[in-house]
Amino acid sequence: VIGRRALNISKEDALDHVLGFCVVNDVSERAWQLDRGGQWAKGKSFP
């Protein structure tokens, strides 16, 4: 989770812009992701 606005920052400064870490389940519908034109967002964006 980003904690501070970041644009063109270095790797050395990157963690200063992080609020924290969390667990995520990136649920995916693979047929929509891979068999419907190859646009991953379609298989990743259901409610």
All heavy atoms as atom14 arrays in JSON, in Angstrom:
{
  "sequence": "VIGRRALNISKEDALDHVLGFCVVNDVSERAWQLDRGGQWAKGKSFP",
  "atom14_mask": [
    [1, 1, 1, 1, 1, 1, 1, 0, 0, 0, 0, 0, 0, 0],
    [1, 1, 1, 1, 1, 1, 1, 1, 0, 0, 0, 0, 0, 0],
    [1, 1, 1, 1, 0, 0, 0, 0, 0, 0, 0, 0, 0, 0],
    [1, 1, 1, 1, 1, 1, 1, 1, 1, 1, 1, 0, 0, 0],
    [1, 1, 1, 1, 1, 1, 1, 1, 1, 1, 1, 0, 0, 0],
    [1, 1, 1, 1, 1, 0, 0, 0, 0, 0, 0, 0, 0, 0],
    [1, 1, 1, 1, 1, 1, 1, 1, 0, 0, 0, 0, 0, 0],
    [1, 1, 1, 1, 1, 1, 1, 1, 0, 0, 0, 0, 0, 0],
    [1, 1, 1, 1, 1, 1, 1, 1, 0, 0, 0, 0, 0, 0],
    [1, 1, 1, 1, 1, 1, 0, 0, 0, 0, 0, 0, 0, 0],
    [1, 1, 1, 1, 1, 1, 1, 1, 1, 0, 0, 0, 0, 0],
    [1, 1, 1, 1, 1, 1, 1, 1, 1, 0, 0, 0, 0, 0],
    [1, 1, 1, 1, 1, 1, 1, 1, 0, 0, 0, 0, 0, 0],
    [1, 1, 1, 1, 1, 0, 0, 0, 0, 0, 0, 0, 0, 0],
    [1, 1, 1, 1, 1, 1, 1, 1, 0, 0, 0, 0, 0, 0],
    [1, 1, 1, 1, 1, 1, 1, 1, 0, 0, 0, 0, 0, 0],
    [1, 1, 1, 1, 1, 1, 1, 1, 1, 1, 0, 0, 0, 0],
    [1, 1, 1, 1, 1, 1, 1, 0, 0, 0, 0, 0, 0, 0],
    [1, 1, 1, 1, 1, 1, 1, 1, 0, 0, 0, 0, 0, 0],
    [1, 1, 1, 1, 0, 0, 0, 0, 0, 0, 0, 0, 0, 0],
    [1, 1, 1, 1, 1, 1, 1, 1, 1, 1, 1, 0, 0, 0],
    [1, 1, 1, 1, 1, 1, 0, 0, 0, 0, 0, 0, 0, 0],
    [1, 1, 1, 1, 1, 1, 1, 0, 0, 0, 0, 0, 0, 0],
    [1, 1, 1, 1, 1, 1, 1, 0, 0, 0, 0, 0, 0, 0],
    [1, 1, 1, 1, 1, 1, 1, 1, 0, 0, 0, 0, 0, 0],
    [1, 1, 1, 1, 1, 1, 1, 1, 0, 0, 0, 0, 0, 0],
    [1, 1, 1, 1, 1, 1, 1, 0, 0, 0, 0, 0, 0, 0],
    [1, 1, 1, 1, 1, 1, 0, 0, 0, 0, 0, 0, 0, 0],
    [1, 1, 1, 1, 1, 1, 1, 1, 1, 0, 0, 0, 0, 0],
    [1, 1, 1, 1, 1, 1, 1, 1, 1, 1, 1, 0, 0, 0],
    [1, 1, 1, 1, 1, 0, 0, 0, 0, 0, 0, 0, 0, 0],
    [1, 1, 1, 1, 1, 1, 1, 1, 1, 1, 1, 1, 1, 1],
    [1, 1, 1, 1, 1, 1, 1, 1, 1, 0, 0, 0, 0, 0],
    [1, 1, 1, 1, 1, 1, 1, 1, 0, 0, 0, 0, 0, 0],
    [1, 1, 1, 1, 1, 1, 1, 1, 0, 0, 0, 0, 0, 0],
    [1, 1, 1, 1, 1, 1, 1, 1, 1, 1, 1, 0, 0, 0],
    [1, 1, 1, 1, 0, 0, 0, 0, 0, 0, 0, 0, 0, 0],
    [1, 1, 1, 1, 0, 0, 0, 0, 0, 0, 0, 0, 0, 0],
    [1, 1, 1, 1, 1, 1, 1, 1, 1, 0, 0, 0, 0, 0],
    [1, 1, 1, 1, 1, 1, 1, 1, 1, 1, 1, 1, 1, 1],
    [1, 1, 1, 1, 1, 0, 0, 0, 0, 0, 0, 0, 0, 0],
    [1, 1, 1, 1, 1, 1, 1, 1, 1, 0, 0, 0, 0, 0],
    [1, 1, 1, 1, 0, 0, 0, 0, 0, 0, 0, 0, 0, 0],
    [1, 1, 1, 1, 1, 1, 1, 1, 1, 0, 0, 0, 0, 0],
    [1, 1, 1, 1, 1, 1, 0, 0, 0, 0, 0, 0, 0, 0],
    [1, 1, 1, 1, 1, 1, 1, 1, 1, 1, 1, 0, 0, 0],
    [1, 1, 1, 1, 1, 1, 1, 0, 0, 0, 0, 0, 0, 0]
  ],
  "atom14_positions": [
    [[0.85, -1.19, 0.0], [0.0, 0.0, 0.0], [0.89, 1.24, 0.0], [1.77, 1.39, 0.85], [-0.94, 0.02, 1.22], [-1.83, 1.26, 1.18], [-1.8, -1.24, 1.26], [0.0, 0.0, 0.0], [0.0, 0.0, 0.0], [0.0, 0.0, 0.0], [0.0, 0.0, 0.0], [0.0, 0.0, 0.0], [0.0, 0.0, 0.0], [0.0, 0.0, 0.0]],
    [[0.65, 2.12, -0.95], [1.44, 3.35, -1.06], [1.0, 4.35, 0.02], [-0.19, 4.53, 0.28], [1.28, 3.98, -2.46], [1.82, 3.02, -3.53], [1.98, 5.33, -2.54], [3.29, 2.7, -3.41], [0.0, 0.0, 0.0], [0.0, 0.0, 0.0], [0.0, 0.0, 0.0], [0.0, 0.0, 0.0], [0.0, 0.0, 0.0], [0.0, 0.0, 0.0]],
    [[1.99, 4.98, 0.64], [1.7, 5.95, 1.69], [1.98, 7.38, 1.32], [1.45, 8.31, 1.95], [0.0, 0.0, 0.0], [0.0, 0.0, 0.0], [0.0, 0.0, 0.0], [0.0, 0.0, 0.0], [0.0, 0.0, 0.0], [0.0, 0.0, 0.0], [0.0, 0.0, 0.0], [0.0, 0.0, 0.0], [0.0, 0.0, 0.0], [0.0, 0.0, 0.0]],
    [[2.82, 7.58, 0.31], [3.21, 8.92, -0.13], [3.28, 8.98, -1.64], [3.7, 8.01, -2.27], [4.59, 9.27, 0.44], [4.53, 10.3, 1.52], [5.87, 10.88, 1.93], [7.08, 10.14, 1.75], [8.15, 10.65, 1.15], [8.13, 11.85, 0.62], [9.26, 9.94, 1.06], [0.0, 0.0, 0.0], [0.0, 0.0, 0.0], [0.0, 0.0, 0.0]],
    [[2.86, 10.09, -2.22], [2.9, 10.27, -3.66], [4.29, 9.95, -4.2], [5.3, 10.38, -3.63], [2.52, 11.71, -4.01], [2.4, 12.0, -5.5], [2.0, 13.46, -5.69], [1.74, 13.76, -7.11], [2.67, 14.14, -7.98], [3.94, 14.27, -7.58], [2.34, 14.4, -9.24], [0.0, 0.0, 0.0], [0.0, 0.0, 0.0], [0.0, 0.0, 0.0]],
    [[4.33, 9.2, -5.29], [5.61, 8.77, -5.84], [5.61, 8.95, -7.36], [4.71, 8.48, -8.05], [5.88, 7.3, -5.5], [0.0, 0.0, 0.0], [0.0, 0.0, 0.0], [0.0, 0.0, 0.0], [0.0, 0.0, 0.0], [0.0, 0.0, 0.0], [0.0, 0.0, 0.0], [0.0, 0.0, 0.0], [0.0, 0.0, 0.0], [0.0, 0.0, 0.0]],
    [[6.62, 9.66, -7.86], [6.8, 9.84, -9.29], [8.3, 9.91, -9.56], [9.01, 10.73, -8.96], [6.11, 11.11, -9.79], [6.27, 11.42, -11.29], [5.6, 10.35, -12.14], [5.7, 12.8, -11.63], [0.0, 0.0, 0.0], [0.0, 0.0, 0.0], [0.0, 0.0, 0.0], [0.0, 0.0, 0.0], [0.0, 0.0, 0.0], [0.0, 0.0, 0.0]],
    [[8.78, 9.03, -10.42], [10.21, 9.0, -10.78], [11.12, 8.9, -9.56], [12.12, 9.62, -9.44], [10.58, 10.25, -11.6], [10.2, 10.1, -13.06], [10.23, 9.01, -13.61], [9.85, 11.21, -13.68], [0.0, 0.0, 0.0], [0.0, 0.0, 0.0], [0.0, 0.0, 0.0], [0.0, 0.0, 0.0], [0.0, 0.0, 0.0], [0.0, 0.0, 0.0]],
    [[10.79, 8.01, -8.65], [11.62, 7.84, -7.46], [12.62, 6.7, -7.67], [12.39, 5.79, -8.47], [10.77, 7.56, -6.2], [9.94, 6.28, -6.39], [9.88, 8.74, -5.87], [9.25, 5.82, -5.13], [0.0, 0.0, 0.0], [0.0, 0.0, 0.0], [0.0, 0.0, 0.0], [0.0, 0.0, 0.0], [0.0, 0.0, 0.0], [0.0, 0.0, 0.0]],
    [[13.71, 6.76, -6.96], [14.74, 5.73, -7.07], [14.36, 4.5, -6.25], [13.51, 4.56, -5.36], [16.08, 6.27, -6.56], [16.0, 6.5, -5.15], [0.0, 0.0, 0.0], [0.0, 0.0, 0.0], [0.0, 0.0, 0.0], [0.0, 0.0, 0.0], [0.0, 0.0, 0.0], [0.0, 0.0, 0.0], [0.0, 0.0, 0.0], [0.0, 0.0, 0.0]],
    [[15.02, 3.4, -6.55], [14.82, 2.18, -5.76], [15.21, 2.42, -4.31], [14.57, 1.91, -3.39], [15.63, 1.03, -6.35], [15.5, -0.27, -5.6], [16.3, -1.39, -6.25], [16.24, -2.67, -5.43], [17.0, -3.77, -6.06], [0.0, 0.0, 0.0], [0.0, 0.0, 0.0], [0.0, 0.0, 0.0], [0.0, 0.0, 0.0], [0.0, 0.0, 0.0]],
    [[16.26, 3.22, -4.1], [16.74, 3.48, -2.73], [15.71, 4.25, -1.91], [15.63, 4.1, -0.7], [18.05, 4.26, -2.79], [19.24, 3.47, -3.32], [19.16, 3.19, -4.81], [18.51, 3.97, -5.56], [19.75, 2.15, -5.25], [0.0, 0.0, 0.0], [0.0, 0.0, 0.0], [0.0, 0.0, 0.0], [0.0, 0.0, 0.0], [0.0, 0.0, 0.0]],
    [[14.89, 5.07, -2.57], [13.9, 5.88, -1.86], [12.51, 5.24, -1.84], [11.6, 5.76, -1.2], [13.79, 7.27, -2.51], [15.04, 8.1, -2.32], [15.79, 7.85, -1.36], [15.28, 8.99, -3.16], [0.0, 0.0, 0.0], [0.0, 0.0, 0.0], [0.0, 0.0, 0.0], [0.0, 0.0, 0.0], [0.0, 0.0, 0.0], [0.0, 0.0, 0.0]],
    [[12.35, 4.13, -2.55], [11.01, 3.59, -2.78], [10.27, 3.22, -1.5], [9.08, 3.53, -1.34], [11.1, 2.38, -3.71], [0.0, 0.0, 0.0], [0.0, 0.0, 0.0], [0.0, 0.0, 0.0], [0.0, 0.0, 0.0], [0.0, 0.0, 0.0], [0.0, 0.0, 0.0], [0.0, 0.0, 0.0], [0.0, 0.0, 0.0], [0.0, 0.0, 0.0]],
    [[10.95, 2.57, -0.57], [10.25, 2.1, 0.63], [9.79, 3.25, 1.52], [8.9, 3.07, 2.36], [11.13, 1.12, 1.4], [11.43, -0.2, 0.67], [12.23, -1.14, 1.55], [10.14, -0.88, 0.2], [0.0, 0.0, 0.0], [0.0, 0.0, 0.0], [0.0, 0.0, 0.0], [0.0, 0.0, 0.0], [0.0, 0.0, 0.0], [0.0, 0.0, 0.0]],
    [[10.38, 4.44, 1.35], [9.91, 5.6, 2.1], [8.52, 6.02, 1.66], [7.85, 6.8, 2.35], [10.87, 6.79, 1.91], [12.22, 6.55, 2.56], [12.3, 5.73, 3.5], [13.2, 7.18, 2.13], [0.0, 0.0, 0.0], [0.0, 0.0, 0.0], [0.0, 0.0, 0.0], [0.0, 0.0, 0.0], [0.0, 0.0, 0.0], [0.0, 0.0, 0.0]],
    [[8.07, 5.51, 0.52], [6.75, 5.85, -0.02], [5.72, 4.75, 0.25], [4.59, 4.83, -0.24], [6.86, 6.11, -1.52], [7.69, 7.3, -1.86], [7.15, 8.52, -2.18], [9.04, 7.48, -1.9], [8.11, 9.4, -2.42], [9.27, 8.78, -2.27], [0.0, 0.0, 0.0], [0.0, 0.0, 0.0], [0.0, 0.0, 0.0], [0.0, 0.0, 0.0]],
    [[6.1, 3.74, 1.02], [5.21, 2.61, 1.31], [4.59, 2.78, 2.69], [5.29, 2.98, 3.68], [6.0, 1.28, 1.24], [5.16, 0.12, 1.77], [6.44, 1.01, -0.2], [0.0, 0.0, 0.0], [0.0, 0.0, 0.0], [0.0, 0.0, 0.0], [0.0, 0.0, 0.0], [0.0, 0.0, 0.0], [0.0, 0.0, 0.0], [0.0, 0.0, 0.0]],
    [[3.26, 2.71, 2.74], [2.56, 2.73, 4.02], [2.7, 1.4, 4.74], [2.95, 1.34, 5.94], [1.07, 3.04, 3.81], [0.18, 2.91, 5.05], [0.53, 3.99, 6.07], [-1.29, 2.98, 4.66], [0.0, 0.0, 0.0], [0.0, 0.0, 0.0], [0.0, 0.0, 0.0], [0.0, 0.0, 0.0], [0.0, 0.0, 0.0], [0.0, 0.0, 0.0]],
    [[2.54, 0.3, 4.0], [2.62, -1.0, 4.64], [2.33, -2.14, 3.69], [2.16, -1.96, 2.47], [0.0, 0.0, 0.0], [0.0, 0.0, 0.0], [0.0, 0.0, 0.0], [0.0, 0.0, 0.0], [0.0, 0.0, 0.0], [0.0, 0.0, 0.0], [0.0, 0.0, 0.0], [0.0, 0.0, 0.0], [0.0, 0.0, 0.0], [0.0, 0.0, 0.0]],
    [[2.26, -3.34, 4.29], [2.08, -4.58, 3.54], [0.81, -5.29, 4.01], [0.37, -5.12, 5.15], [3.29, -5.5, 3.76], [4.6, -4.87, 3.38], [5.41, -4.29, 4.35], [5.04, -4.85, 2.06], [6.63, -3.71, 4.02], [6.25, -4.28, 1.72], [7.05, -3.7, 2.7], [0.0, 0.0, 0.0], [0.0, 0.0, 0.0], [0.0, 0.0, 0.0]],
    [[0.26, -6.12, 3.15], [-0.97, -6.84, 3.5], [-1.07, -8.11, 2.68], [-0.33, -8.34, 1.73], [-2.2, -5.95, 3.27], [-2.36, -5.34, 1.58], [0.0, 0.0, 0.0], [0.0, 0.0, 0.0], [0.0, 0.0, 0.0], [0.0, 0.0, 0.0], [0.0, 0.0, 0.0], [0.0, 0.0, 0.0], [0.0, 0.0, 0.0], [0.0, 0.0, 0.0]],
    [[-2.03, -8.95, 3.06], [-2.35, -10.17, 2.31], [-3.41, -9.84, 1.26], [-4.37, -9.12, 1.55], [-2.88, -11.27, 3.25], [-3.18, -12.55, 2.47], [-1.91, -11.55, 4.38], [0.0, 0.0, 0.0], [0.0, 0.0, 0.0], [0.0, 0.0, 0.0], [0.0, 0.0, 0.0], [0.0, 0.0, 0.0], [0.0, 0.0, 0.0], [0.0, 0.0, 0.0]],
    [[-3.23, -10.37, 0.08], [-4.19, -10.2, -1.01], [-4.44, -11.55, -1.68], [-3.51, -12.34, -1.85], [-3.67, -9.2, -2.07], [-4.56, -9.19, -3.3], [-3.58, -7.79, -1.49], [0.0, 0.0, 0.0], [0.0, 0.0, 0.0], [0.0, 0.0, 0.0], [0.0, 0.0, 0.0], [0.0, 0.0, 0.0], [0.0, 0.0, 0.0], [0.0, 0.0, 0.0]],
    [[-5.69, -11.81, -2.04], [-6.01, -12.94, -2.91], [-6.35, -12.36, -4.28], [-7.4, -11.74, -4.45], [-7.18, -13.75, -2.36], [-7.43, -15.04, -3.15], [-6.78, -15.31, -4.15], [-8.39, -15.83, -2.69], [0.0, 0.0, 0.0], [0.0, 0.0, 0.0], [0.0, 0.0, 0.0], [0.0, 0.0, 0.0], [0.0, 0.0, 0.0], [0.0, 0.0, 0.0]],
    [[-5.44, -12.51, -5.24], [-5.66, -12.01, -6.59], [-6.5, -13.04, -7.35], [-5.99, -13.82, -8.17], [-4.32, -11.76, -7.29], [-4.47, -11.29, -8.73], [-5.57, -10.84, -9.08], [-3.49, -11.38, -9.49], [0.0, 0.0, 0.0], [0.0, 0.0, 0.0], [0.0, 0.0, 0.0], [0.0, 0.0, 0.0], [0.0, 0.0, 0.0], [0.0, 0.0, 0.0]],
    [[-7.8, -13.05, -7.07], [-8.71, -14.01, -7.7], [-8.76, -13.74, -9.2], [-8.73, -12.59, -9.65], [-10.11, -13.9, -7.08], [-11.05, -14.96, -7.68], [-10.05, -14.05, -5.56], [0.0, 0.0, 0.0], [0.0, 0.0, 0.0], [0.0, 0.0, 0.0], [0.0, 0.0, 0.0], [0.0, 0.0, 0.0], [0.0, 0.0, 0.0], [0.0, 0.0, 0.0]],
    [[-8.8, -14.83, -9.98], [-8.69, -14.7, -11.43], [-9.65, -15.66, -12.13], [-9.81, -16.8, -11.69], [-7.26, -15.03, -11.89], [-6.3, -14.32, -11.15], [0.0, 0.0, 0.0], [0.0, 0.0, 0.0], [0.0, 0.0, 0.0], [0.0, 0.0, 0.0], [0.0, 0.0, 0.0], [0.0, 0.0, 0.0], [0.0, 0.0, 0.0], [0.0, 0.0, 0.0]],
    [[-10.28, -15.2, -13.18], [-11.03, -16.09, -14.08], [-10.17, -16.31, -15.31], [-10.03, -15.43, -16.18], [-12.38, -15.46, -14.44], [-13.13, -16.16, -15.57], [-13.25, -17.68, -15.42], [-13.56, -18.16, -14.31], [-13.01, -18.38, -16.42], [0.0, 0.0, 0.0], [0.0, 0.0, 0.0], [0.0, 0.0, 0.0], [0.0, 0.0, 0.0], [0.0, 0.0, 0.0]],
    [[-9.52, -17.48, -15.37], [-8.48, -17.72, -16.38], [-9.03, -17.73, -17.81], [-8.33, -17.31, -18.74], [-7.78, -19.05, -16.1], [-7.12, -19.15, -14.75], [-6.01, -18.14, -14.57], [-5.28, -18.39, -13.33], [-4.39, -17.56, -12.8], [-4.12, -16.42, -13.4], [-3.77, -17.86, -11.67], [0.0, 0.0, 0.0], [0.0, 0.0, 0.0], [0.0, 0.0, 0.0]],
    [[-10.26, -18.2, -18.0], [-10.82, -18.21, -19.35], [-10.94, -16.79, -19.88], [-10.63, -16.51, -21.04], [-12.18, -18.91, -19.35], [0.0, 0.0, 0.0], [0.0, 0.0, 0.0], [0.0, 0.0, 0.0], [0.0, 0.0, 0.0], [0.0, 0.0, 0.0], [0.0, 0.0, 0.0], [0.0, 0.0, 0.0], [0.0, 0.0, 0.0], [0.0, 0.0, 0.0]],
    [[-11.38, -15.88, -19.04], [-11.49, -14.48, -19.46], [-10.12, -13.84, -19.62], [-9.92, -13.0, -20.49], [-12.29, -13.69, -18.43], [-13.71, -14.13, -18.28], [-14.39, -15.02, -19.06], [-14.63, -13.7, -17.28], [-15.67, -15.18, -18.6], [-15.85, -14.38, -17.51], [-14.56, -12.81, -16.22], [-16.98, -14.18, -16.71], [-15.67, -12.61, -15.42], [-16.87, -13.28, -15.66]],
    [[-9.17, -14.26, -18.77], [-7.84, -13.68, -18.81], [-7.05, -14.1, -20.05], [-6.37, -13.28, -20.67], [-7.05, -14.09, -17.56], [-5.61, -13.6, -17.53], [-4.81, -14.22, -16.4], [-5.34, -14.98, -15.59], [-3.53, -13.89, -16.33], [0.0, 0.0, 0.0], [0.0, 0.0, 0.0], [0.0, 0.0, 0.0], [0.0, 0.0, 0.0], [0.0, 0.0, 0.0]],
    [[-7.16, -15.39, -20.42], [-6.26, -15.94, -21.43], [-6.95, -16.35, -22.73], [-6.28, -16.46, -23.77], [-5.54, -17.16, -20.84], [-4.71, -16.87, -19.59], [-4.18, -18.17, -19.0], [-3.57, -15.91, -19.89], [0.0, 0.0, 0.0], [0.0, 0.0, 0.0], [0.0, 0.0, 0.0], [0.0, 0.0, 0.0], [0.0, 0.0, 0.0], [0.0, 0.0, 0.0]],
    [[-8.25, -16.63, -22.68], [-8.92, -17.16, -23.87], [-9.82, -16.13, -24.56], [-10.51, -16.47, -25.52], [-9.79, -18.38, -23.49], [-8.98, -19.47, -22.82], [-7.76, -19.51, -23.04], [-9.58, -20.27, -22.07], [0.0, 0.0, 0.0], [0.0, 0.0, 0.0], [0.0, 0.0, 0.0], [0.0, 0.0, 0.0], [0.0, 0.0, 0.0], [0.0, 0.0, 0.0]],
    [[-9.83, -14.9, -24.06], [-10.74, -13.89, -24.6], [-9.98, -12.68, -25.13], [-10.34, -11.54, -24.89], [-11.74, -13.46, -23.52], [-12.64, -14.57, -23.0], [-13.69, -14.97, -24.02], [-14.58, -13.88, -24.35], [-15.67, -13.55, -23.64], [-16.0, -14.25, -22.56], [-16.43, -12.55, -24.03], [0.0, 0.0, 0.0], [0.0, 0.0, 0.0], [0.0, 0.0, 0.0]],
    [[-8.88, -12.94, -25.84], [-8.14, -11.86, -26.46], [-6.88, -11.46, -25.72], [-6.19, -10.54, -26.15], [0.0, 0.0, 0.0], [0.0, 0.0, 0.0], [0.0, 0.0, 0.0], [0.0, 0.0, 0.0], [0.0, 0.0, 0.0], [0.0, 0.0, 0.0], [0.0, 0.0, 0.0], [0.0, 0.0, 0.0], [0.0, 0.0, 0.0], [0.0, 0.0, 0.0]],
    [[-6.57, -12.14, -24.63], [-5.3, -11.92, -23.96], [-5.18, -10.66, -23.13], [-4.08, -10.24, -22.8], [0.0, 0.0, 0.0], [0.0, 0.0, 0.0], [0.0, 0.0, 0.0], [0.0, 0.0, 0.0], [0.0, 0.0, 0.0], [0.0, 0.0, 0.0], [0.0, 0.0, 0.0], [0.0, 0.0, 0.0], [0.0, 0.0, 0.0], [0.0, 0.0, 0.0]],
    [[-6.29, -10.03, -22.81], [-6.25, -8.83, -21.97], [-6.49, -9.24, -20.52], [-7.62, -9.53, -20.13], [-7.28, -7.82, -22.45], [-7.03, -7.36, -23.88], [-8.13, -6.46, -24.39], [-8.6, -5.59, -23.67], [-8.54, -6.65, -25.63], [0.0, 0.0, 0.0], [0.0, 0.0, 0.0], [0.0, 0.0, 0.0], [0.0, 0.0, 0.0], [0.0, 0.0, 0.0]],
    [[-5.43, -9.24, -19.72], [-5.51, -9.8, -18.38], [-6.54, -9.1, -17.5], [-7.13, -9.73, -16.63], [-4.12, -9.73, -17.72], [-3.17, -10.75, -18.27], [-3.27, -11.43, -19.44], [-1.97, -11.19, -17.65], [-2.21, -12.27, -19.6], [-1.38, -12.15, -18.51], [-1.31, -10.87, -16.46], [-0.19, -12.79, -18.21], [-0.11, -11.51, -16.16], [0.43, -12.46, -17.03]],
    [[-6.74, -7.81, -17.69], [-7.66, -7.08, -16.81], [-9.05, -7.69, -16.83], [-9.76, -7.65, -15.82], [-7.72, -5.61, -17.21], [0.0, 0.0, 0.0], [0.0, 0.0, 0.0], [0.0, 0.0, 0.0], [0.0, 0.0, 0.0], [0.0, 0.0, 0.0], [0.0, 0.0, 0.0], [0.0, 0.0, 0.0], [0.0, 0.0, 0.0], [0.0, 0.0, 0.0]],
    [[-9.46, -8.27, -17.96], [-10.8, -8.86, -18.05], [-10.96, -10.04, -17.09], [-12.05, -10.27, -16.56], [-11.09, -9.31, -19.48], [-11.29, -8.17, -20.45], [-11.77, -8.67, -21.81], [-10.75, -9.54, -22.49], [-11.08, -9.81, -23.91], [0.0, 0.0, 0.0], [0.0, 0.0, 0.0], [0.0, 0.0, 0.0], [0.0, 0.0, 0.0], [0.0, 0.0, 0.0]],
    [[-9.88, -10.79, -16.9], [-9.95, -11.95, -16.02], [-9.65, -11.65, -14.57], [-9.65, -12.56, -13.73], [0.0, 0.0, 0.0], [0.0, 0.0, 0.0], [0.0, 0.0, 0.0], [0.0, 0.0, 0.0], [0.0, 0.0, 0.0], [0.0, 0.0, 0.0], [0.0, 0.0, 0.0], [0.0, 0.0, 0.0], [0.0, 0.0, 0.0], [0.0, 0.0, 0.0]],
    [[-9.4, -10.38, -14.27], [-8.97, -10.0, -12.92], [-9.9, -9.01, -12.23], [-9.64, -8.63, -11.09], [-7.57, -9.36, -13.01], [-6.48, -10.26, -13.59], [-5.98, -11.26, -12.58], [-4.75, -12.01, -13.08], [-4.14, -12.83, -12.01], [0.0, 0.0, 0.0], [0.0, 0.0, 0.0], [0.0, 0.0, 0.0], [0.0, 0.0, 0.0], [0.0, 0.0, 0.0]],
    [[-10.98, -8.58, -12.9], [-11.68, -7.37, -12.45], [-13.12, -7.57, -12.01], [-13.85, -6.6, -11.81], [-11.62, -6.3, -13.55], [-10.29, -5.85, -13.73], [0.0, 0.0, 0.0], [0.0, 0.0, 0.0], [0.0, 0.0, 0.0], [0.0, 0.0, 0.0], [0.0, 0.0, 0.0], [0.0, 0.0, 0.0], [0.0, 0.0, 0.0], [0.0, 0.0, 0.0]],
    [[-13.56, -8.82, -11.83], [-14.92, -9.06, -11.35], [-15.05, -8.61, -9.89], [-14.07, -8.62, -9.15], [-15.26, -10.55, -11.49], [-16.72, -10.85, -11.56], [-17.44, -10.56, -12.71], [-17.39, -11.43, -10.49], [-18.79, -10.86, -12.8], [-18.74, -11.72, -10.56], [-19.45, -11.43, -11.72], [0.0, 0.0, 0.0], [0.0, 0.0, 0.0], [0.0, 0.0, 0.0]],
    [[-16.24, -8.2, -9.45], [-16.41, -7.81, -8.04], [-15.9, -8.89, -7.08], [-16.07, -10.09, -7.31], [-17.92, -7.61, -7.9], [-18.37, -7.22, -9.29], [-17.5, -8.02, -10.22], [0.0, 0.0, 0.0], [0.0, 0.0, 0.0], [0.0, 0.0, 0.0], [0.0, 0.0, 0.0], [0.0, 0.0, 0.0], [0.0, 0.0, 0.0], [0.0, 0.0, 0.0]]
  ]
}
